[in-house]
Amino acid sequence: MDEMTVVAVGREAIKIALMVGLPVLLSGMVVGVLVSIFQVATGIQDMTITFIPKILIVFAVLAFGMHWMISVLTGFIERIFTLVSGVGI
């Protein structure tokens, strides 16, 4: 493996980490902002109200997207193992 391959693998790892993690993070952030707007509009200032919707949405996104996430990650791991096995000792 030369330097270009290592850089390409690192770039792909960052891209896949963003692809897999961003839906969960964005859904939690959007729900948090919406709940905060609701709290400001109604005057409710309870800190625990924001956690329950965020947890439910994050778990729902994980439940519906887990198959896709696992397939993307296993495909990446297979490519990495193929590259490593080609190097030899």
PDB file of N, CA and C in Angstrom:
ATOM      1  N   MET A   1       0.848  -1.182   0.000  1.00  0.00           N
ATOM      2  CA  MET A   1       0.000   0.000   0.000  1.00  0.00           C
ATOM      3  C   MET A   1       0.891   1.243   0.000  1.00  0.00           C
ATOM      4  N   ASP A   2       0.614   2.118  -0.911  1.00  0.00           N
ATOM      5  CA  ASP A   2       1.369   3.357  -0.950  1.00  0.00           C
ATOM      6  C   ASP A   2       0.594   4.461  -0.222  1.00  0.00           C
ATOM      7  N   GLU A   3       1.158   5.653  -0.242  1.00  0.00           N
ATOM      8  CA  GLU A   3       0.552   6.759   0.499  1.00  0.00           C
ATOM      9  C   GLU A   3      -0.805   7.154  -0.065  1.00  0.00           C
ATOM     10  N   MET A   4      -0.944   7.091  -1.369  1.00  0.00           N
ATOM     11  CA  MET A   4      -2.207   7.479  -2.002  1.00  0.00           C
ATOM     12  C   MET A   4      -3.342   6.541  -1.606  1.00  0.00           C
ATOM     13  N   THR A   5      -3.033   5.262  -1.465  1.00  0.00           N
ATOM     14  CA  THR A   5      -4.051   4.303  -1.049  1.00  0.00           C
ATOM     15  C   THR A   5      -4.488   4.572   0.379  1.00  0.00           C
ATOM     16  N   VAL A   6      -3.526   4.866   1.239  1.00  0.00           N
ATOM     17  CA  VAL A   6      -3.854   5.149   2.638  1.00  0.00           C
ATOM     18  C   VAL A   6      -4.701   6.412   2.742  1.00  0.00           C
ATOM     19  N   VAL A   7      -4.354   7.433   1.970  1.00  0.00           N
ATOM     20  CA  VAL A   7      -5.135   8.673   1.978  1.00  0.00           C
ATOM     21  C   VAL A   7      -6.538   8.420   1.436  1.00  0.00           C
ATOM     22  N   ALA A   8      -6.655   7.615   0.385  1.00  0.00           N
ATOM     23  CA  ALA A   8      -7.967   7.300  -0.180  1.00  0.00           C
ATOM     24  C   ALA A   8      -8.818   6.522   0.817  1.00  0.00           C
ATOM     25  N   VAL A   9      -8.202   5.582   1.528  1.00  0.00           N
ATOM     26  CA  VAL A   9      -8.940   4.812   2.536  1.00  0.00           C
ATOM     27  C   VAL A   9      -9.384   5.724   3.675  1.00  0.00           C
ATOM     28  N   GLY A  10      -8.512   6.626   4.106  1.00  0.00           N
ATOM     29  CA  GLY A  10      -8.884   7.570   5.160  1.00  0.00           C
ATOM     30  C   GLY A  10     -10.010   8.486   4.731  1.00  0.00           C
ATOM     31  N   ARG A  11      -9.948   8.955   3.489  1.00  0.00           N
ATOM     32  CA  ARG A  11     -11.010   9.818   2.965  1.00  0.00           C
ATOM     33  C   ARG A  11     -12.333   9.061   2.899  1.00  0.00           C
ATOM     34  N   GLU A  12     -12.277   7.815   2.442  1.00  0.00           N
ATOM     35  CA  GLU A  12     -13.498   7.011   2.358  1.00  0.00           C
ATOM     36  C   GLU A  12     -14.046   6.701   3.749  1.00  0.00           C
ATOM     37  N   ALA A  13     -13.162   6.489   4.722  1.00  0.00           N
ATOM     38  CA  ALA A  13     -13.612   6.222   6.092  1.00  0.00           C
ATOM     39  C   ALA A  13     -14.342   7.429   6.665  1.00  0.00           C
ATOM     40  N   ILE A  14     -13.822   8.619   6.411  1.00  0.00           N
ATOM     41  CA  ILE A  14     -14.495   9.827   6.897  1.00  0.00           C
ATOM     42  C   ILE A  14     -15.836  10.009   6.198  1.00  0.00           C
ATOM     43  N   LYS A  15     -15.866   9.754   4.884  1.00  0.00           N
ATOM     44  CA  LYS A  15     -17.113   9.889   4.132  1.00  0.00           C
ATOM     45  C   LYS A  15     -18.170   8.906   4.637  1.00  0.00           C
ATOM     46  N   ILE A  16     -17.765   7.674   4.897  1.00  0.00           N
ATOM     47  CA  ILE A  16     -18.714   6.669   5.375  1.00  0.00           C
ATOM     48  C   ILE A  16     -19.169   6.986   6.795  1.00  0.00           C
ATOM     49  N   ALA A  17     -18.260   7.474   7.635  1.00  0.00           N
ATOM     50  CA  ALA A  17     -18.654   7.850   8.995  1.00  0.00           C
ATOM     51  C   ALA A  17     -19.693   8.958   8.965  1.00  0.00           C
ATOM     52  N   LEU A  18     -19.521   9.925   8.074  1.00  0.00           N
ATOM     53  CA  LEU A  18     -20.519  10.986   7.941  1.00  0.00           C
ATOM     54  C   LEU A  18     -21.827  10.451   7.376  1.00  0.00           C
ATOM     55  N   MET A  19     -21.731   9.576   6.371  1.00  0.00           N
ATOM     56  CA  MET A  19     -22.935   9.010   5.771  1.00  0.00           C
ATOM     57  C   MET A  19     -23.754   8.226   6.783  1.00  0.00           C
ATOM     58  N   VAL A  20     -23.077   7.468   7.629  1.00  0.00           N
ATOM     59  CA  VAL A  20     -23.777   6.611   8.586  1.00  0.00           C
ATOM     60  C   VAL A  20     -24.259   7.412   9.794  1.00  0.00           C
ATOM     61  N   GLY A  21     -23.465   8.361  10.254  1.00  0.00           N
ATOM     62  CA  GLY A  21     -23.811   9.079  11.471  1.00  0.00           C
ATOM     63  C   GLY A  21     -24.705  10.281  11.286  1.00  0.00           C
ATOM     64  N   LEU A  22     -24.660  10.891  10.099  1.00  0.00           N
ATOM     65  CA  LEU A  22     -25.385  12.134   9.894  1.00  0.00           C
ATOM     66  C   LEU A  22     -26.903  12.012  10.007  1.00  0.00           C
ATOM     67  N   PRO A  23     -27.549  10.966   9.489  1.00  0.00           N
ATOM     68  CA  PRO A  23     -29.006  10.890   9.657  1.00  0.00           C
ATOM     69  C   PRO A  23     -29.441  10.873  11.121  1.00  0.00           C
ATOM     70  N   VAL A  24     -28.704  10.166  11.951  1.00  0.00           N
ATOM     71  CA  VAL A  24     -29.049  10.095  13.373  1.00  0.00           C
ATOM     72  C   VAL A  24     -28.831  11.450  14.033  1.00  0.00           C
ATOM     73  N   LEU A  25     -27.695  12.067  13.759  1.00  0.00           N
ATOM     74  CA  LEU A  25     -27.387  13.354  14.372  1.00  0.00           C
ATOM     75  C   LEU A  25     -28.330  14.452  13.897  1.00  0.00           C
ATOM     76  N   LEU A  26     -28.613  14.485  12.599  1.00  0.00           N
ATOM     77  CA  LEU A  26     -29.504  15.521  12.080  1.00  0.00           C
ATOM     78  C   LEU A  26     -30.926  15.372  12.593  1.00  0.00           C
ATOM     79  N   SER A  27     -31.410  14.135  12.680  1.00  0.00           N
ATOM     80  CA  SER A  27     -32.769  13.948  13.190  1.00  0.00           C
ATOM     81  C   SER A  27     -32.868  14.381  14.646  1.00  0.00           C
ATOM     82  N   GLY A  28     -31.870  14.059  15.442  1.00  0.00           N
ATOM     83  CA  GLY A  28     -31.869  14.508  16.833  1.00  0.00           C
ATOM     84  C   GLY A  28     -31.793  16.016  16.948  1.00  0.00           C
ATOM     85  N   MET A  29     -30.994  16.640  16.074  1.00  0.00           N
ATOM     86  CA  MET A  29     -30.863  18.090  16.119  1.00  0.00           C
ATOM     87  C   MET A  29     -32.153  18.781  15.686  1.00  0.00           C
ATOM     88  N   VAL A  30     -32.786  18.291  14.624  1.00  0.00           N
ATOM     89  CA  VAL A  30     -34.025  18.902  14.142  1.00  0.00           C
ATOM     90  C   VAL A  30     -35.125  18.787  15.187  1.00  0.00           C
ATOM     91  N   VAL A  31     -35.254  17.622  15.795  1.00  0.00           N
ATOM     92  CA  VAL A  31     -36.274  17.451  16.830  1.00  0.00           C
ATOM     93  C   VAL A  31     -35.967  18.334  18.031  1.00  0.00           C
ATOM     94  N   GLY A  32     -34.706  18.454  18.392  1.00  0.00           N
ATOM     95  CA  GLY A  32     -34.335  19.324  19.502  1.00  0.00           C
ATOM     96  C   GLY A  32     -34.695  20.774  19.245  1.00  0.00           C
ATOM     97  N   VAL A  33     -34.444  21.241  18.021  1.00  0.00           N
ATOM     98  CA  VAL A  33     -34.788  22.624  17.673  1.00  0.00           C
ATOM     99  C   VAL A  33     -36.298  22.820  17.667  1.00  0.00           C
ATOM    100  N   LEU A  34     -37.035  21.855  17.107  1.00  0.00           N
ATOM    101  CA  LEU A  34     -38.496  21.978  17.089  1.00  0.00           C
ATOM    102  C   LEU A  34     -39.084  21.982  18.497  1.00  0.00           C
ATOM    103  N   VAL A  35     -38.579  21.129  19.361  1.00  0.00           N
ATOM    104  CA  VAL A  35     -39.068  21.100  20.742  1.00  0.00           C
ATOM    105  C   VAL A  35     -38.700  22.392  21.456  1.00  0.00           C
ATOM    106  N   SER A  36     -37.532  22.927  21.173  1.00  0.00           N
ATOM    107  CA  SER A  36     -37.135  24.193  21.793  1.00  0.00           C
ATOM    108  C   SER A  36     -38.030  25.336  21.336  1.00  0.00           C
ATOM    109  N   ILE A  37     -38.370  25.364  20.053  1.00  0.00           N
ATOM    110  CA  ILE A  37     -39.296  26.386  19.557  1.00  0.00           C
ATOM    111  C   ILE A  37     -40.657  26.233  20.222  1.00  0.00           C
ATOM    112  N   PHE A  38     -41.120  24.994  20.373  1.00  0.00           N
ATOM    113  CA  PHE A  38     -42.391  24.746  21.060  1.00  0.00           C
ATOM    114  C   PHE A  38     -42.328  25.221  22.505  1.00  0.00           C
ATOM    115  N   GLN A  39     -41.217  24.983  23.177  1.00  0.00           N
ATOM    116  CA  GLN A  39     -41.075  25.415  24.566  1.00  0.00           C
ATOM    117  C   GLN A  39     -41.078  26.933  24.681  1.00  0.00           C
ATOM    118  N   VAL A  40     -40.424  27.600  23.758  1.00  0.00           N
ATOM    119  CA  VAL A  40     -40.408  29.063  23.797  1.00  0.00           C
ATOM    120  C   VAL A  40     -41.801  29.614  23.516  1.00  0.00           C
ATOM    121  N   ALA A  41     -42.518  28.998  22.571  1.00  0.00           N
ATOM    122  CA  ALA A  41     -43.848  29.490  22.211  1.00  0.00           C
ATOM    123  C   ALA A  41     -44.853  29.286  23.335  1.00  0.00           C
ATOM    124  N   THR A  42     -44.729  28.196  24.076  1.00  0.00           N
ATOM    125  CA  THR A  42     -45.700  27.911  25.130  1.00  0.00           C
ATOM    126  C   THR A  42     -45.252  28.385  26.498  1.00  0.00           C
ATOM    127  N   GLY A  43     -43.987  28.695  26.645  1.00  0.00           N
ATOM    128  CA  GLY A  43     -43.491  29.147  27.945  1.00  0.00           C
ATOM    129  C   GLY A  43     -43.115  28.016  28.882  1.00  0.00           C
ATOM    130  N   ILE A  44     -43.137  26.798  28.397  1.00  0.00           N
ATOM    131  CA  ILE A  44     -42.735  25.655  29.218  1.00  0.00           C
ATOM    132  C   ILE A  44     -41.210  25.614  29.245  1.00  0.00           C
ATOM    133  N   GLN A  45     -40.636  25.573  30.423  1.00  0.00           N
ATOM    134  CA  GLN A  45     -39.177  25.573  30.538  1.00  0.00           C
ATOM    135  C   GLN A  45     -38.677  24.348  31.309  1.00  0.00           C
ATOM    136  N   ASP A  46     -39.213  23.195  31.003  1.00  0.00           N
ATOM    137  CA  ASP A  46     -38.783  21.960  31.654  1.00  0.00           C
ATOM    138  C   ASP A  46     -37.686  21.315  30.809  1.00  0.00           C
ATOM    139  N   MET A  47     -36.559  21.014  31.419  1.00  0.00           N
ATOM    140  CA  MET A  47     -35.416  20.468  30.687  1.00  0.00           C
ATOM    141  C   MET A  47     -35.642  19.030  30.214  1.00  0.00           C
ATOM    142  N   THR A  48     -36.483  18.281  30.912  1.00  0.00           N
ATOM    143  CA  THR A  48     -36.659  16.870  30.551  1.00  0.00           C
ATOM    144  C   THR A  48     -37.549  16.684  29.331  1.00  0.00           C
ATOM    145  N   ILE A  49     -38.295  17.703  28.940  1.00  0.00           N
ATOM    146  CA  ILE A  49     -39.194  17.568  27.795  1.00  0.00           C
ATOM    147  C   ILE A  49     -38.407  17.355  26.501  1.00  0.00           C
ATOM    148  N   THR A  50     -37.230  17.914  26.400  1.00  0.00           N
ATOM    149  CA  THR A  50     -36.468  17.784  25.152  1.00  0.00           C
ATOM    150  C   THR A  50     -35.879  16.391  24.959  1.00  0.00           C
ATOM    151  N   PHE A  51     -35.643  15.663  26.023  1.00  0.00           N
ATOM    152  CA  PHE A  51     -34.944  14.385  25.897  1.00  0.00           C
ATOM    153  C   PHE A  51     -35.817  13.276  25.321  1.00  0.00           C
ATOM    154  N   ILE A  52     -37.065  13.189  25.724  1.00  0.00           N
ATOM    155  CA  ILE A  52     -37.914  12.073  25.297  1.00  0.00           C
ATOM    156  C   ILE A  52     -38.147  12.080  23.785  1.00  0.00           C
ATOM    157  N   PRO A  53     -38.548  13.201  23.166  1.00  0.00           N
ATOM    158  CA  PRO A  53     -38.710  13.157  21.699  1.00  0.00           C
ATOM    159  C   PRO A  53     -37.404  12.876  20.960  1.00  0.00           C
ATOM    160  N   LYS A  54     -36.295  13.431  21.449  1.00  0.00           N
ATOM    161  CA  LYS A  54     -35.017  13.179  20.781  1.00  0.00           C
ATOM    162  C   LYS A  54     -34.637  11.709  20.864  1.00  0.00           C
ATOM    163  N   ILE A  55     -34.812  11.112  22.023  1.00  0.00           N
ATOM    164  CA  ILE A  55     -34.475   9.695  22.185  1.00  0.00           C
ATOM    165  C   ILE A  55     -35.355   8.832  21.289  1.00  0.00           C
ATOM    166  N   LEU A  56     -36.650   9.134  21.235  1.00  0.00           N
ATOM    167  CA  LEU A  56     -37.556   8.350  20.398  1.00  0.00           C
ATOM    168  C   LEU A  56     -37.200   8.465  18.917  1.00  0.00           C
ATOM    169  N   ILE A  57     -36.906   9.666  18.461  1.00  0.00           N
ATOM    170  CA  ILE A  57     -36.560   9.858  17.049  1.00  0.00           C
ATOM    171  C   ILE A  57     -35.230   9.190  16.710  1.00  0.00           C
ATOM    172  N   VAL A  58     -34.252   9.331  17.580  1.00  0.00           N
ATOM    173  CA  VAL A  58     -32.947   8.709  17.320  1.00  0.00           C
ATOM    174  C   VAL A  58     -33.084   7.191  17.268  1.00  0.00           C
ATOM    175  N   PHE A  59     -33.836   6.611  18.192  1.00  0.00           N
ATOM    176  CA  PHE A  59     -34.044   5.165  18.150  1.00  0.00           C
ATOM    177  C   PHE A  59     -34.823   4.746  16.904  1.00  0.00           C
ATOM    178  N   ALA A  60     -35.798   5.553  16.485  1.00  0.00           N
ATOM    179  CA  ALA A  60     -36.557   5.224  15.279  1.00  0.00           C
ATOM    180  C   ALA A  60     -35.665   5.274  14.040  1.00  0.00           C
ATOM    181  N   VAL A  61     -34.833   6.301  13.948  1.00  0.00           N
ATOM    182  CA  VAL A  61     -33.916   6.395  12.805  1.00  0.00           C
ATOM    183  C   VAL A  61     -32.935   5.228  12.818  1.00  0.00           C
ATOM    184  N   LEU A  62     -32.435   4.879  13.995  1.00  0.00           N
ATOM    185  CA  LEU A  62     -31.532   3.730  14.086  1.00  0.00           C
ATOM    186  C   LEU A  62     -32.242   2.435  13.711  1.00  0.00           C
ATOM    187  N   ALA A  63     -33.477   2.274  14.162  1.00  0.00           N
ATOM    188  CA  ALA A  63     -34.211   1.040  13.872  1.00  0.00           C
ATOM    189  C   ALA A  63     -34.490   0.902  12.378  1.00  0.00           C
ATOM    190  N   PHE A  64     -34.900   1.999  11.732  1.00  0.00           N
ATOM    191  CA  PHE A  64     -35.219   1.921  10.307  1.00  0.00           C
ATOM    192  C   PHE A  64     -33.978   1.929   9.418  1.00  0.00           C
ATOM    193  N   GLY A  65     -32.890   2.523   9.878  1.00  0.00           N
ATOM    194  CA  GLY A  65     -31.706   2.620   9.047  1.00  0.00           C
ATOM    195  C   GLY A  65     -30.601   1.646   9.382  1.00  0.00           C
ATOM    196  N   MET A  66     -30.818   0.791  10.374  1.00  0.00           N
ATOM    197  CA  MET A  66     -29.752  -0.101  10.822  1.00  0.00           C
ATOM    198  C   MET A  66     -29.301  -1.066   9.725  1.00  0.00           C
ATOM    199  N   HIS A  67     -30.230  -1.589   8.939  1.00  0.00           N
ATOM    200  CA  HIS A  67     -29.859  -2.528   7.875  1.00  0.00           C
ATOM    201  C   HIS A  67     -28.936  -1.843   6.866  1.00  0.00           C
ATOM    202  N   TRP A  68     -29.290  -0.636   6.457  1.00  0.00           N
ATOM    203  CA  TRP A  68     -28.465   0.113   5.515  1.00  0.00           C
ATOM    204  C   TRP A  68     -27.109   0.458   6.123  1.00  0.00           C
ATOM    205  N   MET A  69     -27.105   0.882   7.389  1.00  0.00           N
ATOM    206  CA  MET A  69     -25.852   1.246   8.052  1.00  0.00           C
ATOM    207  C   MET A  69     -24.902   0.053   8.134  1.00  0.00           C
ATOM    208  N   ILE A  70     -25.443  -1.091   8.506  1.00  0.00           N
ATOM    209  CA  ILE A  70     -24.613  -2.287   8.627  1.00  0.00           C
ATOM    210  C   ILE A  70     -24.086  -2.720   7.262  1.00  0.00           C
ATOM    211  N   SER A  71     -24.918  -2.629   6.228  1.00  0.00           N
ATOM    212  CA  SER A  71     -24.448  -3.034   4.898  1.00  0.00           C
ATOM    213  C   SER A  71     -23.354  -2.097   4.387  1.00  0.00           C
ATOM    214  N   VAL A  72     -23.476  -0.800   4.647  1.00  0.00           N
ATOM    215  CA  VAL A  72     -22.430   0.148   4.233  1.00  0.00           C
ATOM    216  C   VAL A  72     -21.137  -0.137   4.988  1.00  0.00           C
ATOM    217  N   LEU A  73     -21.236  -0.341   6.289  1.00  0.00           N
ATOM    218  CA  LEU A  73     -20.038  -0.582   7.095  1.00  0.00           C
ATOM    219  C   LEU A  73     -19.375  -1.914   6.759  1.00  0.00           C
ATOM    220  N   THR A  74     -20.158  -2.961   6.532  1.00  0.00           N
ATOM    221  CA  THR A  74     -19.552  -4.249   6.181  1.00  0.00           C
ATOM    222  C   THR A  74     -18.911  -4.198   4.799  1.00  0.00           C
ATOM    223  N   GLY A  75     -19.508  -3.471   3.873  1.00  0.00           N
ATOM    224  CA  GLY A  75     -18.878  -3.300   2.562  1.00  0.00           C
ATOM    225  C   GLY A  75     -17.540  -2.600   2.670  1.00  0.00           C
ATOM    226  N   PHE A  76     -17.468  -1.583   3.515  1.00  0.00           N
ATOM    227  CA  PHE A  76     -16.206  -0.868   3.722  1.00  0.00           C
ATOM    228  C   PHE A  76     -15.172  -1.774   4.381  1.00  0.00           C
ATOM    229  N   ILE A  77     -15.585  -2.528   5.386  1.00  0.00           N
ATOM    230  CA  ILE A  77     -14.663  -3.438   6.072  1.00  0.00           C
ATOM    231  C   ILE A  77     -14.142  -4.507   5.111  1.00  0.00           C
ATOM    232  N   GLU A  78     -15.014  -5.024   4.240  1.00  0.00           N
ATOM    233  CA  GLU A  78     -14.566  -6.016   3.260  1.00  0.00           C
ATOM    234  C   GLU A  78     -13.524  -5.425   2.318  1.00  0.00           C
ATOM    235  N   ARG A  79     -13.726  -4.176   1.881  1.00  0.00           N
ATOM    236  CA  ARG A  79     -12.732  -3.533   1.012  1.00  0.00           C
ATOM    237  C   ARG A  79     -11.407  -3.336   1.746  1.00  0.00           C
ATOM    238  N   ILE A  80     -11.478  -2.972   3.021  1.00  0.00           N
ATOM    239  CA  ILE A  80     -10.253  -2.780   3.806  1.00  0.00           C
ATOM    240  C   ILE A  80      -9.519  -4.111   3.960  1.00  0.00           C
ATOM    241  N   PHE A  81     -10.245  -5.173   4.294  1.00  0.00           N
ATOM    242  CA  PHE A  81      -9.609  -6.480   4.449  1.00  0.00           C
ATOM    243  C   PHE A  81      -8.999  -6.955   3.132  1.00  0.00           C
ATOM    244  N   THR A  82      -9.655  -6.677   2.019  1.00  0.00           N
ATOM    245  CA  THR A  82      -9.104  -7.046   0.723  1.00  0.00           C
ATOM    246  C   THR A  82      -7.800  -6.296   0.460  1.00  0.00           C
ATOM    247  N   LEU A  83      -7.778  -5.010   0.795  1.00  0.00           N
ATOM    248  CA  LEU A  83      -6.543  -4.230   0.625  1.00  0.00           C
ATOM    249  C   LEU A  83      -5.429  -4.742   1.524  1.00  0.00           C
ATOM    250  N   VAL A  84      -5.763  -5.049   2.771  1.00  0.00           N
ATOM    251  CA  VAL A  84      -4.748  -5.505   3.724  1.00  0.00           C
ATOM    252  C   VAL A  84      -4.226  -6.879   3.333  1.00  0.00           C
ATOM    253  N   SER A  85      -5.106  -7.758   2.857  1.00  0.00           N
ATOM    254  CA  SER A  85      -4.647  -9.096   2.484  1.00  0.00           C
ATOM    255  C   SER A  85      -3.741  -9.058   1.255  1.00  0.00           C
ATOM    256  N   GLY A  86      -3.893  -8.051   0.425  1.00  0.00           N
ATOM    257  CA  GLY A  86      -3.044  -7.932  -0.754  1.00  0.00           C
ATOM    258  C   GLY A  86      -1.652  -7.419  -0.454  1.00  0.00           C
ATOM    259  N   VAL A  87      -1.439  -6.865   0.727  1.00  0.00           N
ATOM    260  CA  VAL A  87      -0.138  -6.296   1.076  1.00  0.00           C
ATOM    261  C   VAL A  87       0.864  -7.396   1.359  1.00  0.00           C
ATOM    262  N   GLY A  88       0.484  -8.373   2.161  1.00  0.00           N
ATOM    263  CA  GLY A  88       1.402  -9.449   2.537  1.00  0.00           C
ATOM    264  C   GLY A  88       2.364  -9.004   3.621  1.00  0.00           C
ATOM    265  N   ILE A  89       3.089  -9.971   4.138  1.00  0.00           N
ATOM    266  CA  ILE A  89       4.037  -9.662   5.228  1.00  0.00           C
ATOM    267  C   ILE A  89       5.450  -9.877   4.752  1.00  0.00           C
TER     268      ILE A  89
END
